[in-house]
Amino acid sequence: MANSTARMAAHAADGETGLFRGSTRVHVGYGLHLLFLLTGCVEHPRPEEMSDAALVAAFTRVCDQVGLRAGTERPVVALRTDYELWRAASVKTPKAEMWIDVATGELRLLRQQQSFHVSLLGQWDVEPIPDTRAEEVAMSWLEKLRPWCLEHVVGPAETIVFRSTHRSQLMPGWTVEFAKSHDGFEVSGGVEVTFLDDGTLVSFQNDLPRVDCPTDVNVSERKARETARNALPRATELYGTSFSPAQEFFGNVRTRTPSDSTRVPLRIVCTTRLLEDRNAYEDSIVRAQPSRLRLAYVFQFAHSNPIDREFVALIIYVDARTGECVGGHIM
């Protein structure tokens, strides 16, 4: 159970700790397949959902728009399942796969499979795209994909903002990450674009939620910190790893990269049942609901010497409007 808890948190806490790092992130596609294996069944379409034919048509349109080499085989709808804030279906051929939201038709994940490995063979002699152009190339792919993703999740009071870029350690190419700002506050989740040095799209992932929650800040940081510290004994009781107020961490807790600022970030997050019990916590991650989005202070606590510890970091959310503890993550 502990390993399962940590694995789930690695995906769910991304938006709070500098998400989408290829070496640490549990990818959307992996999470969906994991959930499918756990449930052991393939659901048939519900009346309000897109039909298999509509999903295949959407797959084909995206392939045509972005020049995806999906092969000559007819796409098939492999499975439908609920995952986090949306319900999606896997549409695939032997060479490409997409996860598509069955309610809105928006693209959640795209990846090339066999065609990517073939194209990769000739990439090592291609001159690398400089980091100064990586964001530009990623933005060009976002614009091509906009009708199938961003149009549904970026509202009038929201913007897509650049988060980071890093050179892939597994292939000659780049991964560029973008976040969403809602009323000036960063939203958990984001968009990740990975491409080769010749510009070939390798994968696209979209974790952006549709946001409709208050953004009032009625609670001071000092009062919120008191609430977060009061939650530490309960977290210790549930997860067997002790965290103290002295271990509060500012920066990227996953990579242990400290920040110059000691201000606690305010982010729009999806609440969890971290402090109820482990089963409730895991279920709240997999079966998240849009109604659970909140603007919250995000407090981080980390062990300075994580060796031989089951959990090394704790994240606590405190609602900025009500002042109550609304969950968090254990890693």
Protein backbone atom coordinates (compact mmCIF):
# COMPACT_ATOMS: atom_id res chain seq x y z
CA MET A 1 0.00 0.00 0.00
CA ALA A 2 2.82 2.43 0.81
CA ASN A 3 4.39 2.00 -2.61
CA SER A 4 1.01 2.51 -4.22
CA THR A 5 0.49 5.67 -2.18
CA ALA A 6 3.84 7.07 -3.21
CA ARG A 7 3.28 6.21 -6.87
CA MET A 8 -0.12 7.90 -6.97
CA ALA A 9 1.29 10.99 -5.24
CA ALA A 10 4.14 11.24 -7.74
CA HIS A 11 1.58 11.95 -10.42
CA ALA A 12 -0.95 13.96 -8.44
CA ALA A 13 1.51 16.29 -6.74
CA ASP A 14 3.22 17.35 -9.96
CA GLY A 15 1.46 20.70 -10.22
CA GLU A 16 2.63 21.59 -6.73
CA THR A 17 6.27 20.63 -7.08
CA GLY A 18 7.35 21.47 -10.59
CA LEU A 19 5.56 18.90 -12.66
CA PHE A 20 6.14 16.94 -15.74
CA ARG A 21 9.78 16.04 -15.15
CA GLY A 22 10.25 13.01 -17.36
CA SER A 23 12.43 11.19 -14.82
CA THR A 24 9.90 11.43 -11.98
CA ARG A 25 6.47 11.94 -13.39
CA VAL A 26 3.92 9.14 -13.57
CA HIS A 27 2.59 9.84 -17.04
CA VAL A 28 -1.12 10.15 -17.77
CA GLY A 29 -1.10 7.17 -20.11
CA TYR A 30 0.64 4.98 -17.53
CA GLY A 31 -1.82 6.04 -14.87
CA LEU A 32 -4.78 5.27 -17.08
CA HIS A 33 -3.46 1.83 -17.96
CA LEU A 34 -2.76 1.19 -14.28
CA LEU A 35 -6.32 2.12 -13.40
CA PHE A 36 -7.64 -0.16 -16.16
CA LEU A 37 -5.62 -3.08 -14.78
CA LEU A 38 -6.92 -2.38 -11.28
CA THR A 39 -10.56 -2.21 -12.36
CA GLY A 40 -10.23 -5.13 -14.75
CA CYS A 41 -13.02 -4.10 -17.09
CA VAL A 42 -13.74 -2.04 -20.19
CA GLU A 43 -16.80 0.16 -19.93
CA HIS A 44 -19.21 0.69 -22.78
CA PRO A 45 -20.11 4.25 -23.77
CA ARG A 46 -22.71 6.00 -21.67
CA PRO A 47 -25.59 7.79 -23.44
CA GLU A 48 -24.04 11.25 -22.96
CA GLU A 49 -20.62 10.22 -24.27
CA MET A 50 -19.04 10.37 -27.70
CA SER A 51 -19.57 7.21 -29.71
CA ASP A 52 -16.68 5.02 -30.85
CA ALA A 53 -17.16 6.35 -34.37
CA ALA A 54 -16.91 9.96 -33.17
CA LEU A 55 -13.75 9.18 -31.20
CA VAL A 56 -12.13 7.52 -34.22
CA ALA A 57 -13.07 10.53 -36.36
CA ALA A 58 -11.46 12.86 -33.79
CA PHE A 59 -8.30 10.70 -33.81
CA THR A 60 -8.13 10.92 -37.60
CA ARG A 61 -8.62 14.70 -37.66
CA VAL A 62 -5.81 15.25 -35.17
CA CYS A 63 -3.49 12.99 -37.18
CA ASP A 64 -4.24 14.95 -40.35
CA GLN A 65 -3.73 18.30 -38.63
CA VAL A 66 -0.36 17.52 -37.02
CA GLY A 67 0.99 15.08 -39.60
CA LEU A 68 1.03 12.17 -37.19
CA ARG A 69 2.10 8.91 -38.83
CA ALA A 70 -0.51 6.59 -37.39
CA GLY A 71 -0.17 3.87 -40.03
CA THR A 72 -2.76 2.35 -42.35
CA GLU A 73 -4.62 0.31 -39.74
CA ARG A 74 -8.04 1.53 -38.70
CA PRO A 75 -7.99 3.15 -35.22
CA VAL A 76 -9.82 1.29 -32.49
CA VAL A 77 -11.26 2.45 -29.16
CA ALA A 78 -9.35 0.29 -26.69
CA LEU A 79 -11.03 1.30 -23.42
CA ARG A 80 -12.95 3.99 -21.57
CA THR A 81 -12.33 4.88 -17.95
CA ASP A 82 -12.64 7.59 -15.29
CA TYR A 83 -9.37 9.17 -14.27
CA GLU A 84 -8.88 12.20 -12.05
CA LEU A 85 -10.91 15.18 -13.27
CA TRP A 86 -12.13 13.65 -16.51
CA ARG A 87 -13.37 10.53 -18.27
CA ALA A 88 -11.40 9.48 -21.33
CA ALA A 89 -11.03 6.81 -23.97
CA SER A 90 -7.91 5.32 -25.52
CA VAL A 91 -7.97 5.41 -29.31
CA LYS A 92 -5.01 3.72 -30.95
CA THR A 93 -3.27 2.06 -33.86
CA PRO A 94 -0.05 0.05 -33.62
CA LYS A 95 1.87 3.29 -34.31
CA ALA A 96 0.04 5.95 -32.31
CA GLU A 97 -2.26 6.41 -29.34
CA MET A 98 -4.47 9.20 -28.03
CA TRP A 99 -6.53 9.63 -24.89
CA ILE A 100 -9.61 11.72 -25.67
CA ASP A 101 -12.12 13.19 -23.22
CA VAL A 102 -15.41 11.42 -24.02
CA ALA A 103 -17.52 14.40 -22.92
CA THR A 104 -15.76 17.29 -24.70
CA GLY A 105 -13.57 15.59 -27.30
CA GLU A 106 -10.48 17.34 -25.97
CA LEU A 107 -7.11 15.68 -26.37
CA ARG A 108 -5.52 14.55 -23.11
CA LEU A 109 -2.57 12.53 -24.37
CA LEU A 110 -0.94 11.86 -27.72
CA ARG A 111 2.10 9.72 -28.35
CA GLN A 112 3.79 8.12 -31.29
CA GLN A 113 4.87 4.54 -30.82
CA GLN A 114 6.59 2.46 -33.50
CA SER A 115 6.94 5.41 -35.86
CA PHE A 116 8.74 7.37 -33.15
CA HIS A 117 11.32 4.64 -32.61
CA VAL A 118 11.99 4.39 -36.35
CA SER A 119 12.43 8.15 -36.72
CA LEU A 120 14.64 8.26 -33.63
CA LEU A 121 17.30 6.11 -35.28
CA GLY A 122 18.35 8.92 -37.61
CA GLN A 123 18.26 11.72 -35.04
CA TRP A 124 21.63 11.46 -33.37
CA ASP A 125 23.42 13.31 -36.18
CA VAL A 126 20.83 16.11 -36.38
CA GLU A 127 22.00 19.45 -35.02
CA PRO A 128 20.25 20.05 -31.67
CA ILE A 129 17.61 22.76 -31.45
CA PRO A 130 19.05 25.47 -29.16
CA ASP A 131 17.25 26.02 -25.87
CA THR A 132 16.38 29.54 -27.00
CA ARG A 133 14.14 28.03 -29.73
CA ALA A 134 12.68 25.09 -27.80
CA GLU A 135 9.81 27.14 -26.37
CA GLU A 136 9.03 28.51 -29.84
CA VAL A 137 8.85 25.02 -31.37
CA ALA A 138 6.64 23.78 -28.53
CA MET A 139 4.30 26.76 -28.92
CA SER A 140 3.93 26.01 -32.62
CA TRP A 141 2.73 22.50 -31.73
CA LEU A 142 0.34 23.93 -29.13
CA GLU A 143 -1.19 26.19 -31.77
CA LYS A 144 -1.71 23.24 -34.11
CA LEU A 145 -3.37 21.24 -31.33
CA ARG A 146 -5.36 24.14 -29.87
CA PRO A 147 -8.76 23.17 -31.39
CA TRP A 148 -8.56 19.79 -29.63
CA CYS A 149 -7.25 20.86 -26.23
CA LEU A 150 -6.81 24.46 -25.15
CA GLU A 151 -10.12 25.72 -26.53
CA HIS A 152 -11.91 23.64 -23.88
CA VAL A 153 -9.79 24.40 -20.84
CA VAL A 154 -8.60 28.00 -21.22
CA GLY A 155 -11.32 30.47 -20.27
CA PRO A 156 -11.57 34.28 -20.58
CA ALA A 157 -9.77 34.91 -17.28
CA GLU A 158 -7.03 32.38 -18.03
CA THR A 159 -3.74 32.27 -19.91
CA ILE A 160 -1.16 29.63 -20.81
CA VAL A 161 2.23 30.51 -19.36
CA PHE A 162 5.67 29.02 -19.92
CA ARG A 163 6.91 26.92 -17.00
CA SER A 164 10.21 25.27 -17.98
CA THR A 165 12.21 23.48 -20.65
CA HIS A 166 14.75 20.72 -20.33
CA ARG A 167 16.84 18.55 -22.59
CA SER A 168 15.72 14.93 -22.67
CA GLN A 169 18.15 12.41 -21.24
CA LEU A 170 16.61 9.57 -23.22
CA MET A 171 16.56 10.97 -26.74
CA PRO A 172 17.86 13.87 -28.86
CA GLY A 173 15.11 16.36 -28.18
CA TRP A 174 13.33 18.64 -25.74
CA THR A 175 10.45 18.60 -23.30
CA VAL A 176 8.73 21.95 -22.74
CA GLU A 177 6.19 22.51 -19.99
CA PHE A 178 3.40 25.07 -19.76
CA ALA A 179 1.06 25.96 -16.92
CA LYS A 180 -2.31 27.72 -16.75
CA SER A 181 -3.00 30.92 -14.85
CA HIS A 182 -6.54 31.55 -13.57
CA ASP A 183 -7.25 35.03 -12.17
CA GLY A 184 -3.50 35.37 -11.72
CA PHE A 185 -3.04 32.08 -9.80
CA GLU A 186 -1.23 29.04 -11.18
CA VAL A 187 -3.41 25.96 -11.59
CA SER A 188 -2.28 22.44 -10.75
CA GLY A 189 -1.49 20.34 -13.79
CA GLY A 190 -0.21 21.62 -17.09
CA VAL A 191 0.75 20.84 -20.65
CA GLU A 192 3.89 19.01 -21.75
CA VAL A 193 5.21 18.89 -25.33
CA THR A 194 8.10 16.57 -26.27
CA PHE A 195 9.76 16.69 -29.69
CA LEU A 196 12.92 15.57 -31.50
CA ASP A 197 15.63 17.86 -32.83
CA ASP A 198 14.11 17.78 -36.32
CA GLY A 199 10.85 19.10 -34.79
CA THR A 200 9.00 15.76 -34.89
CA LEU A 201 6.33 15.58 -32.20
CA VAL A 202 6.91 12.64 -29.87
CA SER A 203 4.20 13.20 -27.27
CA PHE A 204 1.71 15.71 -25.93
CA GLN A 205 0.09 15.59 -22.50
CA ASN A 206 -2.67 17.81 -21.20
CA ASP A 207 -3.60 17.72 -17.50
CA LEU A 208 -5.29 21.12 -17.42
CA PRO A 209 -8.60 21.16 -15.52
CA ARG A 210 -11.52 23.44 -16.21
CA VAL A 211 -11.58 25.84 -13.26
CA ASP A 212 -14.65 27.34 -11.60
CA CYS A 213 -13.83 28.13 -7.99
CA PRO A 214 -13.63 31.27 -5.83
CA THR A 215 -10.27 33.04 -5.68
CA ASP A 216 -10.88 35.13 -2.54
CA VAL A 217 -8.02 35.24 -0.06
CA ASN A 218 -9.56 35.65 3.40
CA VAL A 219 -6.87 33.89 5.44
CA SER A 220 -3.38 35.19 6.18
CA GLU A 221 -0.29 33.11 5.46
CA ARG A 222 0.54 33.12 9.17
CA LYS A 223 -2.85 31.65 10.11
CA ALA A 224 -2.67 29.11 7.29
CA ARG A 225 0.79 27.99 8.44
CA GLU A 226 -0.59 27.34 11.92
CA THR A 227 -3.29 25.10 10.39
CA ALA A 228 -0.72 23.23 8.28
CA ARG A 229 1.52 22.61 11.30
CA ASN A 230 -1.43 21.33 13.31
CA ALA A 231 -1.96 18.69 10.61
CA LEU A 232 1.55 17.22 10.97
CA PRO A 233 0.79 14.84 13.88
CA ARG A 234 -2.13 13.29 11.98
CA ALA A 235 0.04 12.78 8.88
CA THR A 236 2.71 11.15 11.05
CA GLU A 237 0.09 8.83 12.58
CA LEU A 238 -1.21 7.73 9.16
CA TYR A 239 2.02 7.39 7.19
CA GLY A 240 4.58 6.52 9.87
CA THR A 241 7.06 9.22 8.93
CA SER A 242 7.49 12.18 11.27
CA PHE A 243 7.58 15.74 9.89
CA SER A 244 8.18 18.81 12.04
CA PRO A 245 7.53 22.56 11.52
CA ALA A 246 11.31 23.05 11.31
CA GLN A 247 11.34 21.00 8.09
CA GLU A 248 9.27 23.49 6.08
CA PHE A 249 10.78 23.69 2.58
CA PHE A 250 10.65 26.54 0.04
CA GLY A 251 11.30 25.61 -3.60
CA ASN A 252 10.98 22.39 -5.61
CA VAL A 253 10.63 19.73 -2.95
CA ARG A 254 10.94 16.88 -5.46
CA THR A 255 14.36 17.92 -6.77
CA ARG A 256 15.34 19.55 -3.45
CA THR A 257 16.04 22.80 -5.25
CA PRO A 258 15.58 25.64 -2.75
CA SER A 259 14.00 28.97 -3.66
CA ASP A 260 15.25 32.43 -2.77
CA SER A 261 11.73 33.31 -1.67
CA THR A 262 10.20 32.20 1.62
CA ARG A 263 6.65 33.07 0.59
CA VAL A 264 4.23 30.17 0.48
CA PRO A 265 2.67 29.83 -2.97
CA LEU A 266 -1.06 30.22 -3.54
CA ARG A 267 -2.25 27.74 -6.20
CA ILE A 268 -5.52 26.33 -7.44
CA VAL A 269 -5.35 22.67 -6.44
CA CYS A 270 -7.61 19.66 -6.29
CA THR A 271 -8.28 18.77 -2.67
CA THR A 272 -7.49 15.26 -1.39
CA ARG A 273 -8.40 13.10 1.60
CA LEU A 274 -4.80 12.88 2.76
CA LEU A 275 -5.62 13.04 6.46
CA GLU A 276 -8.50 10.51 6.51
CA ASP A 277 -6.68 7.26 5.72
CA ARG A 278 -4.51 5.80 2.97
CA ASN A 279 -7.33 4.17 1.01
CA ALA A 280 -9.40 7.36 1.07
CA TYR A 281 -6.34 9.34 -0.04
CA GLU A 282 -5.63 7.15 -3.06
CA ASP A 283 -9.28 7.08 -4.05
CA SER A 284 -9.48 10.89 -3.86
CA ILE A 285 -6.59 11.15 -6.33
CA VAL A 286 -7.93 8.71 -8.90
CA ARG A 287 -11.54 9.87 -8.59
CA ALA A 288 -11.07 13.62 -8.31
CA GLN A 289 -13.98 15.98 -9.01
CA PRO A 290 -13.96 19.53 -10.45
CA SER A 291 -16.03 20.65 -7.46
CA ARG A 292 -12.98 19.96 -5.28
CA LEU A 293 -10.78 22.62 -6.86
CA ARG A 294 -9.74 25.27 -4.34
CA LEU A 295 -7.36 28.22 -4.11
CA ALA A 296 -4.99 27.10 -1.37
CA TYR A 297 -1.72 27.83 0.37
CA VAL A 298 0.72 25.03 -0.48
CA PHE A 299 3.01 24.18 2.45
CA GLN A 300 5.90 21.76 1.95
CA PHE A 301 7.85 19.81 4.56
CA ALA A 302 10.93 17.74 3.71
CA HIS A 303 13.48 15.59 5.51
CA SER A 304 17.01 16.89 5.14
CA ASN A 305 18.33 13.31 5.20
CA PRO A 306 15.81 11.13 3.33
CA ILE A 307 17.88 7.90 3.37
CA ASP A 308 15.94 4.85 4.62
CA ARG A 309 12.71 6.80 4.98
CA GLU A 310 9.50 5.52 3.42
CA PHE A 311 8.23 9.04 2.73
CA VAL A 312 10.52 12.04 2.30
CA ALA A 313 8.17 14.97 1.68
CA LEU A 314 4.74 16.13 2.77
CA ILE A 315 2.55 18.75 1.10
CA ILE A 316 -0.36 20.33 2.98
CA TYR A 317 -3.12 22.44 1.39
CA VAL A 318 -4.90 25.14 3.39
CA ASP A 319 -7.94 26.75 1.77
CA ALA A 320 -7.22 30.47 1.29
CA ARG A 321 -10.87 31.40 1.68
CA THR A 322 -12.01 29.25 4.62
CA GLY A 323 -8.72 28.47 6.37
CA GLU A 324 -9.44 24.74 6.62
CA CYS A 325 -6.95 22.01 5.75
CA VAL A 326 -8.06 20.48 2.46
CA GLY A 327 -5.58 17.64 2.05
CA GLY A 328 -2.31 17.53 0.20
CA HIS A 329 0.16 14.81 -0.79
CA ILE A 330 2.74 12.48 0.75
CA MET A 331 5.85 11.50 -1.24
